[in-house]
């Protein structure tokens, strides 16, 4: 009988062997413009394996004026609104990201030069949408990196706690 109880307890505590498959999600970013500077919006959908990451591009169709060098190293900072959607739950989360224009390769004096965009400084953060955790960090110059993973349901955590309590009870009784 004790072996049966331990087998049931082990089955309750074991991780499920089957996975739910890839996590479907999408994002969009709004365009922005200021003076002669700007960029176009982007929207894409993904399927990412549990624990996987995806680079997302926030800007497309960049516009910046041609200026005679020397130009200031730092140009304007524009902001874009980014929205993540969890496909299964329909839940969404919006946040703003700075896009900085800067002079990455100064031209010789008197020649034409322009500013190029890059994603500004952001603090990495986590968002819970529909039972999935989205971890957002800055990627390369024009991307964010989004990591996606499953989050355990509260009932699963409760079952694990009850199983551990049962294991402790059985050990105490036998010891």
N, C-alpha and C. Protein backbone atom coordinates (compact mmCIF):
# COMPACT_ATOMS: atom_id res chain seq x y z
N UNK A 1 0.81 -1.20 0.00
CA UNK A 1 0.00 0.00 0.00
C UNK A 1 0.86 1.27 0.00
N UNK A 2 2.00 1.20 0.73
CA UNK A 2 2.89 2.36 0.78
C UNK A 2 3.48 2.65 -0.59
N UNK A 3 3.85 1.61 -1.34
CA UNK A 3 4.39 1.82 -2.68
C UNK A 3 3.36 2.48 -3.59
N UNK A 4 2.10 2.07 -3.44
CA UNK A 4 1.03 2.65 -4.24
C UNK A 4 0.90 4.15 -3.94
N UNK A 5 0.94 4.51 -2.65
CA UNK A 5 0.84 5.92 -2.27
C UNK A 5 2.01 6.72 -2.84
N UNK A 6 3.21 6.15 -2.75
CA UNK A 6 4.38 6.85 -3.29
C UNK A 6 4.29 6.99 -4.80
N UNK A 7 3.76 5.99 -5.49
CA UNK A 7 3.60 6.07 -6.94
C UNK A 7 2.60 7.17 -7.32
N UNK A 8 1.49 7.24 -6.58
CA UNK A 8 0.50 8.28 -6.83
C UNK A 8 1.10 9.66 -6.57
N UNK A 9 1.86 9.77 -5.47
CA UNK A 9 2.51 11.03 -5.14
C UNK A 9 3.51 11.43 -6.23
N UNK A 10 4.30 10.50 -6.71
CA UNK A 10 5.26 10.78 -7.78
C UNK A 10 4.55 11.23 -9.05
N UNK A 11 3.43 10.60 -9.36
CA UNK A 11 2.67 10.98 -10.56
C UNK A 11 2.13 12.41 -10.43
N UNK A 12 1.70 12.78 -9.22
CA UNK A 12 1.20 14.15 -9.02
C UNK A 12 2.30 15.19 -9.14
N UNK A 13 3.51 14.85 -8.69
CA UNK A 13 4.60 15.80 -8.70
C UNK A 13 5.35 15.86 -10.03
N UNK A 14 5.18 14.87 -10.87
CA UNK A 14 5.93 14.81 -12.14
C UNK A 14 5.45 15.89 -13.09
N UNK A 15 6.39 16.44 -13.87
CA UNK A 15 6.04 17.40 -14.91
C UNK A 15 5.31 16.67 -16.03
N UNK A 16 4.34 17.28 -16.64
CA UNK A 16 3.68 16.63 -17.76
C UNK A 16 4.68 16.36 -18.88
N UNK A 17 4.58 15.19 -19.49
CA UNK A 17 5.51 14.81 -20.56
C UNK A 17 5.19 15.55 -21.86
N UNK A 18 3.92 15.84 -22.09
CA UNK A 18 3.52 16.50 -23.34
C UNK A 18 3.52 18.01 -23.15
N UNK A 19 3.89 18.71 -24.17
CA UNK A 19 3.89 20.17 -24.16
C UNK A 19 2.67 20.67 -24.94
N UNK A 20 2.25 21.87 -24.61
CA UNK A 20 1.09 22.44 -25.29
C UNK A 20 1.46 22.93 -26.69
N UNK A 21 2.73 22.91 -27.04
CA UNK A 21 3.15 23.37 -28.35
C UNK A 21 3.59 24.81 -28.32
N UNK A 22 3.85 25.38 -29.47
CA UNK A 22 4.33 26.76 -29.52
C UNK A 22 3.29 27.75 -29.00
N UNK A 23 3.78 28.87 -28.50
CA UNK A 23 2.93 29.94 -27.98
C UNK A 23 2.75 30.96 -29.10
N UNK A 24 1.50 31.21 -29.48
CA UNK A 24 1.20 32.15 -30.56
C UNK A 24 1.01 33.55 -29.97
N UNK A 25 1.70 34.52 -30.56
CA UNK A 25 1.58 35.90 -30.11
C UNK A 25 1.93 36.84 -31.27
N UNK A 26 1.61 38.10 -31.09
CA UNK A 26 1.92 39.08 -32.13
C UNK A 26 2.24 40.42 -31.47
N UNK A 27 2.71 41.35 -32.28
CA UNK A 27 3.01 42.68 -31.78
C UNK A 27 2.79 43.70 -32.89
N UNK A 28 2.68 44.94 -32.48
CA UNK A 28 2.67 46.05 -33.43
C UNK A 28 3.38 47.22 -32.78
N UNK A 29 3.96 48.08 -33.61
CA UNK A 29 4.53 49.33 -33.12
C UNK A 29 3.99 50.45 -33.99
N UNK A 30 3.71 51.57 -33.34
CA UNK A 30 3.17 52.73 -34.06
C UNK A 30 4.31 53.49 -34.71
N UNK A 31 4.05 54.12 -35.80
CA UNK A 31 5.04 55.01 -36.42
C UNK A 31 5.14 56.30 -35.62
N UNK A 32 6.11 57.12 -35.97
CA UNK A 32 6.26 58.41 -35.30
C UNK A 32 6.96 59.36 -36.27
N UNK A 33 6.73 60.65 -36.09
CA UNK A 33 7.44 61.64 -36.90
C UNK A 33 7.55 62.94 -36.13
N UNK A 34 8.61 63.67 -36.42
CA UNK A 34 8.85 64.97 -35.81
C UNK A 34 9.75 65.73 -36.76
N UNK A 35 9.26 66.83 -37.30
CA UNK A 35 10.05 67.57 -38.28
C UNK A 35 10.31 66.67 -39.48
N UNK A 36 11.55 66.55 -39.91
CA UNK A 36 11.90 65.69 -41.02
C UNK A 36 12.26 64.27 -40.60
N UNK A 37 12.14 63.95 -39.31
CA UNK A 37 12.48 62.63 -38.79
C UNK A 37 11.24 61.77 -38.66
N UNK A 38 11.38 60.48 -38.87
CA UNK A 38 10.23 59.60 -38.67
C UNK A 38 10.52 58.18 -39.07
N UNK A 39 9.53 57.31 -38.81
CA UNK A 39 9.60 55.90 -39.21
C UNK A 39 8.18 55.37 -39.29
N UNK A 40 8.02 54.28 -40.01
CA UNK A 40 6.72 53.69 -40.25
C UNK A 40 6.42 52.58 -39.24
N UNK A 41 5.14 52.25 -39.05
CA UNK A 41 4.78 51.19 -38.10
C UNK A 41 5.12 49.80 -38.62
N UNK A 42 5.17 48.85 -37.70
CA UNK A 42 5.46 47.44 -38.00
C UNK A 42 4.47 46.58 -37.23
N UNK A 43 4.03 45.46 -37.81
CA UNK A 43 3.17 44.50 -37.10
C UNK A 43 3.48 43.10 -37.63
N UNK A 44 3.75 42.17 -36.74
CA UNK A 44 4.05 40.79 -37.12
C UNK A 44 3.48 39.82 -36.10
N UNK A 45 3.27 38.58 -36.53
CA UNK A 45 2.81 37.51 -35.64
C UNK A 45 3.89 36.43 -35.56
N UNK A 46 3.96 35.74 -34.41
CA UNK A 46 4.98 34.70 -34.20
C UNK A 46 4.38 33.50 -33.51
N UNK A 47 5.07 32.38 -33.62
CA UNK A 47 4.85 31.22 -32.76
C UNK A 47 6.21 30.90 -32.17
N UNK A 48 6.32 30.96 -30.85
CA UNK A 48 7.59 30.76 -30.17
C UNK A 48 7.47 29.57 -29.23
N UNK A 49 8.46 28.68 -29.27
CA UNK A 49 8.47 27.54 -28.35
C UNK A 49 8.58 28.05 -26.92
N UNK A 50 8.05 27.30 -25.96
CA UNK A 50 8.13 27.64 -24.55
C UNK A 50 9.59 27.87 -24.17
N UNK A 51 9.90 29.02 -23.61
CA UNK A 51 11.26 29.35 -23.22
C UNK A 51 12.08 29.97 -24.34
N UNK A 52 11.52 30.10 -25.53
CA UNK A 52 12.24 30.66 -26.67
C UNK A 52 12.21 32.18 -26.67
N UNK A 53 13.06 32.78 -27.50
CA UNK A 53 13.09 34.23 -27.65
C UNK A 53 12.92 34.61 -29.11
N UNK A 54 12.49 35.84 -29.33
CA UNK A 54 12.28 36.35 -30.67
C UNK A 54 12.73 37.80 -30.72
N UNK A 55 13.50 38.17 -31.73
CA UNK A 55 13.86 39.57 -31.95
C UNK A 55 12.72 40.23 -32.71
N UNK A 56 12.25 41.38 -32.24
CA UNK A 56 11.19 42.09 -32.96
C UNK A 56 11.72 43.46 -33.40
N UNK A 57 11.40 43.83 -34.63
CA UNK A 57 11.81 45.11 -35.21
C UNK A 57 10.70 46.12 -35.00
N UNK A 58 11.06 47.26 -34.45
CA UNK A 58 10.05 48.26 -34.09
C UNK A 58 9.84 49.32 -35.14
N UNK A 59 10.80 49.50 -36.07
CA UNK A 59 10.66 50.59 -37.02
C UNK A 59 10.93 50.10 -38.44
N UNK A 60 10.33 50.81 -39.38
CA UNK A 60 10.49 50.51 -40.80
C UNK A 60 10.39 51.83 -41.54
N UNK A 61 10.96 51.91 -42.72
CA UNK A 61 10.83 53.12 -43.54
C UNK A 61 11.33 54.36 -42.86
N UNK A 62 12.58 54.36 -42.41
CA UNK A 62 13.16 55.48 -41.66
C UNK A 62 13.33 56.71 -42.54
N UNK A 63 13.02 57.88 -41.95
CA UNK A 63 13.22 59.16 -42.63
C UNK A 63 14.01 60.08 -41.71
N UNK A 64 15.06 60.69 -42.23
CA UNK A 64 15.78 61.73 -41.50
C UNK A 64 16.38 62.69 -42.52
N UNK A 65 16.44 63.97 -42.17
CA UNK A 65 16.90 64.95 -43.15
C UNK A 65 18.40 64.86 -43.42
N UNK A 66 18.80 65.23 -44.64
CA UNK A 66 20.22 65.36 -44.96
C UNK A 66 20.68 66.72 -44.46
N UNK A 67 21.79 66.72 -43.74
CA UNK A 67 22.33 67.95 -43.16
C UNK A 67 23.78 68.10 -43.59
N UNK A 68 24.28 69.31 -43.59
CA UNK A 68 25.69 69.55 -43.91
C UNK A 68 26.50 69.37 -42.64
N UNK A 69 27.56 68.55 -42.74
CA UNK A 69 28.41 68.24 -41.59
C UNK A 69 29.25 69.47 -41.22
N UNK A 70 29.56 69.68 -39.97
CA UNK A 70 29.30 68.81 -38.83
C UNK A 70 27.87 68.96 -38.32
N UNK A 71 27.29 67.85 -37.89
CA UNK A 71 25.94 67.86 -37.32
C UNK A 71 26.04 67.45 -35.86
N UNK A 72 25.05 67.80 -35.04
CA UNK A 72 25.10 67.38 -33.63
C UNK A 72 25.13 65.84 -33.56
N UNK A 73 25.86 65.30 -32.59
CA UNK A 73 25.93 63.85 -32.42
C UNK A 73 24.54 63.29 -32.12
N UNK A 74 23.79 63.99 -31.27
CA UNK A 74 22.46 63.51 -30.90
C UNK A 74 21.38 64.29 -31.62
N UNK A 75 20.49 63.55 -32.30
CA UNK A 75 19.31 64.13 -32.93
C UNK A 75 18.13 63.99 -31.98
N UNK A 76 16.91 64.08 -32.48
CA UNK A 76 15.74 63.97 -31.62
C UNK A 76 15.48 62.54 -31.16
N UNK A 77 14.69 62.42 -30.08
CA UNK A 77 14.19 61.12 -29.61
C UNK A 77 12.70 61.08 -29.89
N UNK A 78 12.26 60.09 -30.66
CA UNK A 78 10.84 59.88 -30.92
C UNK A 78 10.39 58.67 -30.09
N UNK A 79 9.11 58.60 -29.79
CA UNK A 79 8.58 57.49 -28.99
C UNK A 79 7.61 56.69 -29.83
N UNK A 80 7.66 55.38 -29.71
CA UNK A 80 6.71 54.52 -30.38
C UNK A 80 5.96 53.68 -29.35
N UNK A 81 4.68 53.49 -29.58
CA UNK A 81 3.87 52.63 -28.70
C UNK A 81 3.92 51.22 -29.27
N UNK A 82 4.28 50.27 -28.41
CA UNK A 82 4.36 48.86 -28.79
C UNK A 82 3.25 48.12 -28.06
N UNK A 83 2.59 47.20 -28.77
CA UNK A 83 1.54 46.39 -28.15
C UNK A 83 1.83 44.92 -28.40
N UNK A 84 1.87 44.13 -27.31
CA UNK A 84 2.01 42.68 -27.40
C UNK A 84 0.63 42.06 -27.24
N UNK A 85 0.30 41.05 -28.07
CA UNK A 85 -0.97 40.33 -27.98
C UNK A 85 -0.69 38.85 -27.77
N UNK A 86 -1.32 38.26 -26.76
CA UNK A 86 -1.29 36.82 -26.56
C UNK A 86 -2.48 36.26 -27.34
N UNK A 87 -2.20 35.49 -28.39
CA UNK A 87 -3.26 35.04 -29.31
C UNK A 87 -4.32 34.19 -28.62
N UNK A 88 -3.89 33.23 -27.78
CA UNK A 88 -4.85 32.30 -27.16
C UNK A 88 -5.83 33.01 -26.24
N UNK A 89 -5.35 33.96 -25.45
CA UNK A 89 -6.23 34.63 -24.48
C UNK A 89 -6.85 35.91 -25.02
N UNK A 90 -6.24 36.50 -26.05
CA UNK A 90 -6.72 37.78 -26.55
C UNK A 90 -6.28 38.96 -25.69
N UNK A 91 -5.47 38.70 -24.65
CA UNK A 91 -4.99 39.77 -23.78
C UNK A 91 -3.87 40.53 -24.46
N UNK A 92 -3.77 41.83 -24.15
CA UNK A 92 -2.75 42.68 -24.76
C UNK A 92 -2.12 43.58 -23.70
N UNK A 93 -0.92 44.06 -24.00
CA UNK A 93 -0.21 44.99 -23.11
C UNK A 93 0.50 46.02 -23.98
N UNK A 94 0.37 47.30 -23.64
CA UNK A 94 1.00 48.39 -24.39
C UNK A 94 2.09 49.04 -23.55
N UNK A 95 3.16 49.47 -24.22
CA UNK A 95 4.22 50.19 -23.56
C UNK A 95 4.90 51.10 -24.59
N UNK A 96 5.64 52.09 -24.11
CA UNK A 96 6.32 53.04 -25.00
C UNK A 96 7.82 52.79 -24.99
N UNK A 97 8.44 52.94 -26.16
CA UNK A 97 9.87 52.72 -26.33
C UNK A 97 10.48 53.95 -27.01
N UNK A 98 11.62 54.46 -26.50
CA UNK A 98 12.28 55.59 -27.17
C UNK A 98 13.08 55.13 -28.38
N UNK A 99 13.00 55.89 -29.46
CA UNK A 99 13.83 55.67 -30.64
C UNK A 99 14.67 56.94 -30.80
N UNK A 100 15.98 56.79 -30.62
CA UNK A 100 16.90 57.92 -30.66
C UNK A 100 17.56 58.01 -32.04
N UNK A 101 17.65 59.22 -32.57
CA UNK A 101 18.40 59.45 -33.80
C UNK A 101 19.77 60.02 -33.40
N UNK A 102 20.84 59.50 -34.01
CA UNK A 102 22.19 59.95 -33.64
C UNK A 102 23.10 59.85 -34.87
N UNK A 103 24.25 60.49 -34.79
CA UNK A 103 25.23 60.46 -35.88
C UNK A 103 26.23 59.34 -35.57
N UNK A 104 26.07 58.19 -36.22
CA UNK A 104 26.93 57.04 -35.92
C UNK A 104 28.28 57.11 -36.61
N UNK A 105 28.39 57.84 -37.72
CA UNK A 105 29.65 57.99 -38.45
C UNK A 105 29.76 59.43 -38.94
N UNK A 106 30.36 60.30 -38.14
CA UNK A 106 30.47 61.70 -38.57
C UNK A 106 31.18 61.84 -39.92
N UNK A 107 30.61 62.65 -40.79
CA UNK A 107 31.18 62.90 -42.12
C UNK A 107 32.17 64.07 -42.04
N UNK A 108 33.10 64.13 -42.98
CA UNK A 108 34.01 65.28 -43.01
C UNK A 108 33.23 66.59 -43.15
N UNK A 109 33.78 67.65 -42.62
CA UNK A 109 33.10 68.95 -42.62
C UNK A 109 32.73 69.36 -44.05
N UNK A 110 31.50 69.84 -44.19
CA UNK A 110 31.00 70.32 -45.47
C UNK A 110 30.30 69.25 -46.30
N UNK A 111 30.41 67.97 -45.94
CA UNK A 111 29.73 66.90 -46.68
C UNK A 111 28.34 66.67 -46.09
N UNK A 112 27.50 65.98 -46.87
CA UNK A 112 26.15 65.65 -46.41
C UNK A 112 26.22 64.54 -45.38
N UNK A 113 25.38 64.63 -44.34
CA UNK A 113 25.35 63.63 -43.28
C UNK A 113 23.91 63.52 -42.79
N UNK A 114 23.62 62.48 -42.08
CA UNK A 114 22.27 62.29 -41.54
C UNK A 114 22.36 61.50 -40.23
N UNK A 115 21.30 61.59 -39.45
CA UNK A 115 21.19 60.80 -38.22
C UNK A 115 20.56 59.45 -38.54
N UNK A 116 20.93 58.42 -37.79
CA UNK A 116 20.33 57.09 -37.92
C UNK A 116 19.63 56.73 -36.61
N UNK A 117 18.61 55.86 -36.66
CA UNK A 117 17.87 55.52 -35.44
C UNK A 117 18.48 54.34 -34.69
N UNK A 118 18.19 54.29 -33.40
CA UNK A 118 18.48 53.15 -32.54
C UNK A 118 17.45 53.14 -31.41
N UNK A 119 17.24 51.97 -30.82
CA UNK A 119 16.34 51.86 -29.67
C UNK A 119 17.05 52.48 -28.48
N UNK A 120 16.36 53.35 -27.77
CA UNK A 120 16.94 53.99 -26.59
C UNK A 120 17.04 53.03 -25.41
N UNK A 121 17.51 53.52 -24.32
CA UNK A 121 17.69 52.72 -23.11
C UNK A 121 16.33 52.36 -22.52
N UNK A 122 16.16 51.07 -22.21
CA UNK A 122 14.94 50.62 -21.52
C UNK A 122 15.35 49.70 -20.38
N UNK A 123 14.50 49.62 -19.38
CA UNK A 123 14.70 48.67 -18.28
C UNK A 123 13.95 47.40 -18.65
N UNK A 124 14.62 46.23 -18.63
CA UNK A 124 13.92 44.97 -18.95
C UNK A 124 12.73 44.78 -18.01
N UNK A 125 11.66 44.18 -18.53
CA UNK A 125 10.46 43.95 -17.71
C UNK A 125 9.75 42.68 -18.16
N UNK A 126 8.86 42.18 -17.28
CA UNK A 126 8.05 40.99 -17.55
C UNK A 126 6.58 41.38 -17.59
N UNK A 127 5.83 40.70 -18.45
CA UNK A 127 4.39 40.91 -18.59
C UNK A 127 3.73 39.53 -18.59
N UNK A 128 2.67 39.36 -17.81
CA UNK A 128 1.90 38.11 -17.82
C UNK A 128 0.64 38.32 -18.65
N UNK A 129 0.51 37.53 -19.71
CA UNK A 129 -0.67 37.59 -20.59
C UNK A 129 -1.15 36.16 -20.84
N UNK A 130 -2.36 35.86 -20.44
CA UNK A 130 -2.97 34.57 -20.76
C UNK A 130 -2.17 33.37 -20.31
N UNK A 131 -1.57 33.41 -19.14
CA UNK A 131 -0.80 32.26 -18.66
C UNK A 131 0.59 32.15 -19.26
N UNK A 132 1.02 33.17 -19.98
CA UNK A 132 2.37 33.18 -20.56
C UNK A 132 3.13 34.39 -20.01
N UNK A 133 4.41 34.19 -19.77
CA UNK A 133 5.27 35.29 -19.30
C UNK A 133 6.09 35.79 -20.48
N UNK A 134 5.98 37.09 -20.75
CA UNK A 134 6.74 37.75 -21.82
C UNK A 134 7.83 38.59 -21.15
N UNK A 135 9.09 38.30 -21.44
CA UNK A 135 10.21 39.04 -20.89
C UNK A 135 10.77 39.93 -22.00
N UNK A 136 10.71 41.24 -21.80
CA UNK A 136 11.10 42.21 -22.84
C UNK A 136 12.41 42.90 -22.44
N UNK A 137 13.40 42.84 -23.34
CA UNK A 137 14.68 43.52 -23.14
C UNK A 137 15.08 44.21 -24.44
N UNK A 138 16.06 45.09 -24.35
CA UNK A 138 16.58 45.75 -25.55
C UNK A 138 17.43 44.75 -26.32
N UNK A 139 17.23 44.70 -27.63
CA UNK A 139 18.02 43.84 -28.49
C UNK A 139 19.14 44.63 -29.14
N UNK A 140 19.38 44.36 -30.40
CA UNK A 140 20.40 45.12 -31.13
C UNK A 140 19.88 46.54 -31.36
N UNK A 141 20.54 47.32 -32.18
CA UNK A 141 20.20 48.74 -32.32
C UNK A 141 18.74 49.03 -32.64
N UNK A 142 18.10 48.19 -33.46
CA UNK A 142 16.72 48.48 -33.87
C UNK A 142 15.72 47.42 -33.44
N UNK A 143 16.05 46.61 -32.43
CA UNK A 143 15.14 45.53 -32.03
C UNK A 143 14.96 45.46 -30.53
N UNK A 144 13.89 44.78 -30.15
CA UNK A 144 13.69 44.32 -28.77
C UNK A 144 13.77 42.81 -28.81
N UNK A 145 14.16 42.21 -27.71
CA UNK A 145 14.16 40.76 -27.58
C UNK A 145 13.01 40.40 -26.65
N UNK A 146 12.13 39.49 -27.10
CA UNK A 146 11.00 39.06 -26.30
C UNK A 146 11.13 37.56 -26.04
N UNK A 147 11.24 37.18 -24.77
CA UNK A 147 11.26 35.78 -24.37
C UNK A 147 9.88 35.38 -23.90
N UNK A 148 9.43 34.20 -24.30
CA UNK A 148 8.07 33.75 -23.96
C UNK A 148 8.15 32.40 -23.25
N UNK A 149 7.43 32.26 -22.12
CA UNK A 149 7.40 30.98 -21.42
C UNK A 149 6.05 30.77 -20.76
N UNK A 150 5.73 29.50 -20.53
CA UNK A 150 4.49 29.14 -19.84
C UNK A 150 4.63 29.50 -18.36
N UNK A 151 3.54 29.90 -17.72
CA UNK A 151 3.54 30.09 -16.28
C UNK A 151 2.62 29.03 -15.68
N UNK A 152 3.04 28.41 -14.57
CA UNK A 152 2.19 27.38 -13.99
C UNK A 152 0.90 27.98 -13.45
N UNK A 153 -0.18 27.22 -13.61
CA UNK A 153 -1.46 27.65 -13.08
C UNK A 153 -1.44 27.52 -11.56
N UNK A 154 -2.22 28.33 -10.83
CA UNK A 154 -2.25 28.22 -9.37
C UNK A 154 -2.67 26.83 -8.89
N UNK A 155 -3.56 26.18 -9.61
CA UNK A 155 -4.00 24.83 -9.21
C UNK A 155 -2.84 23.85 -9.29
N UNK A 156 -1.96 24.01 -10.28
CA UNK A 156 -0.80 23.14 -10.41
C UNK A 156 0.15 23.34 -9.24
N UNK A 157 0.35 24.59 -8.86
CA UNK A 157 1.20 24.88 -7.71
C UNK A 157 0.60 24.31 -6.44
N UNK A 158 -0.72 24.42 -6.27
CA UNK A 158 -1.39 23.87 -5.10
C UNK A 158 -1.25 22.35 -5.06
N UNK A 159 -1.41 21.68 -6.21
CA UNK A 159 -1.25 20.23 -6.25
C UNK A 159 0.16 19.83 -5.84
N UNK A 160 1.16 20.57 -6.29
CA UNK A 160 2.54 20.28 -5.92
C UNK A 160 2.76 20.44 -4.43
N UNK A 161 2.18 21.49 -3.85
CA UNK A 161 2.31 21.72 -2.40
C UNK A 161 1.64 20.62 -1.60
N UNK A 162 0.44 20.19 -2.03
CA UNK A 162 -0.25 19.10 -1.35
C UNK A 162 0.56 17.81 -1.46
N UNK A 163 1.15 17.57 -2.63
CA UNK A 163 1.98 16.37 -2.81
C UNK A 163 3.19 16.38 -1.90
N UNK A 164 3.84 17.53 -1.78
CA UNK A 164 4.99 17.63 -0.89
C UNK A 164 4.59 17.45 0.57
N UNK A 165 3.45 18.02 0.95
CA UNK A 165 2.96 17.84 2.32
C UNK A 165 2.67 16.36 2.58
N UNK A 166 2.08 15.68 1.61
CA UNK A 166 1.80 14.24 1.76
C UNK A 166 3.08 13.44 1.89
N UNK A 167 4.08 13.81 1.11
CA UNK A 167 5.37 13.13 1.19
C UNK A 167 5.99 13.32 2.57
N UNK A 168 5.90 14.54 3.10
CA UNK A 168 6.42 14.81 4.44
C UNK A 168 5.68 14.01 5.49
N UNK A 169 4.36 13.89 5.35
CA UNK A 169 3.54 13.13 6.29
C UNK A 169 3.93 11.66 6.26
N UNK A 170 4.10 11.10 5.06
CA UNK A 170 4.48 9.68 4.92
C UNK A 170 5.86 9.45 5.52
N UNK A 171 6.80 10.32 5.27
CA UNK A 171 8.14 10.15 5.83
C UNK A 171 8.12 10.21 7.34
N UNK A 172 7.32 11.13 7.89
CA UNK A 172 7.23 11.26 9.34
C UNK A 172 6.62 10.01 9.97
N UNK A 173 5.60 9.49 9.27
CA UNK A 173 4.91 8.29 9.78
C UNK A 173 5.81 7.07 9.75
N UNK A 174 6.62 6.95 8.68
CA UNK A 174 7.52 5.81 8.56
C UNK A 174 8.75 5.97 9.46
N UNK A 175 9.16 7.20 9.74
CA UNK A 175 10.38 7.46 10.51
C UNK A 175 10.12 7.48 11.95
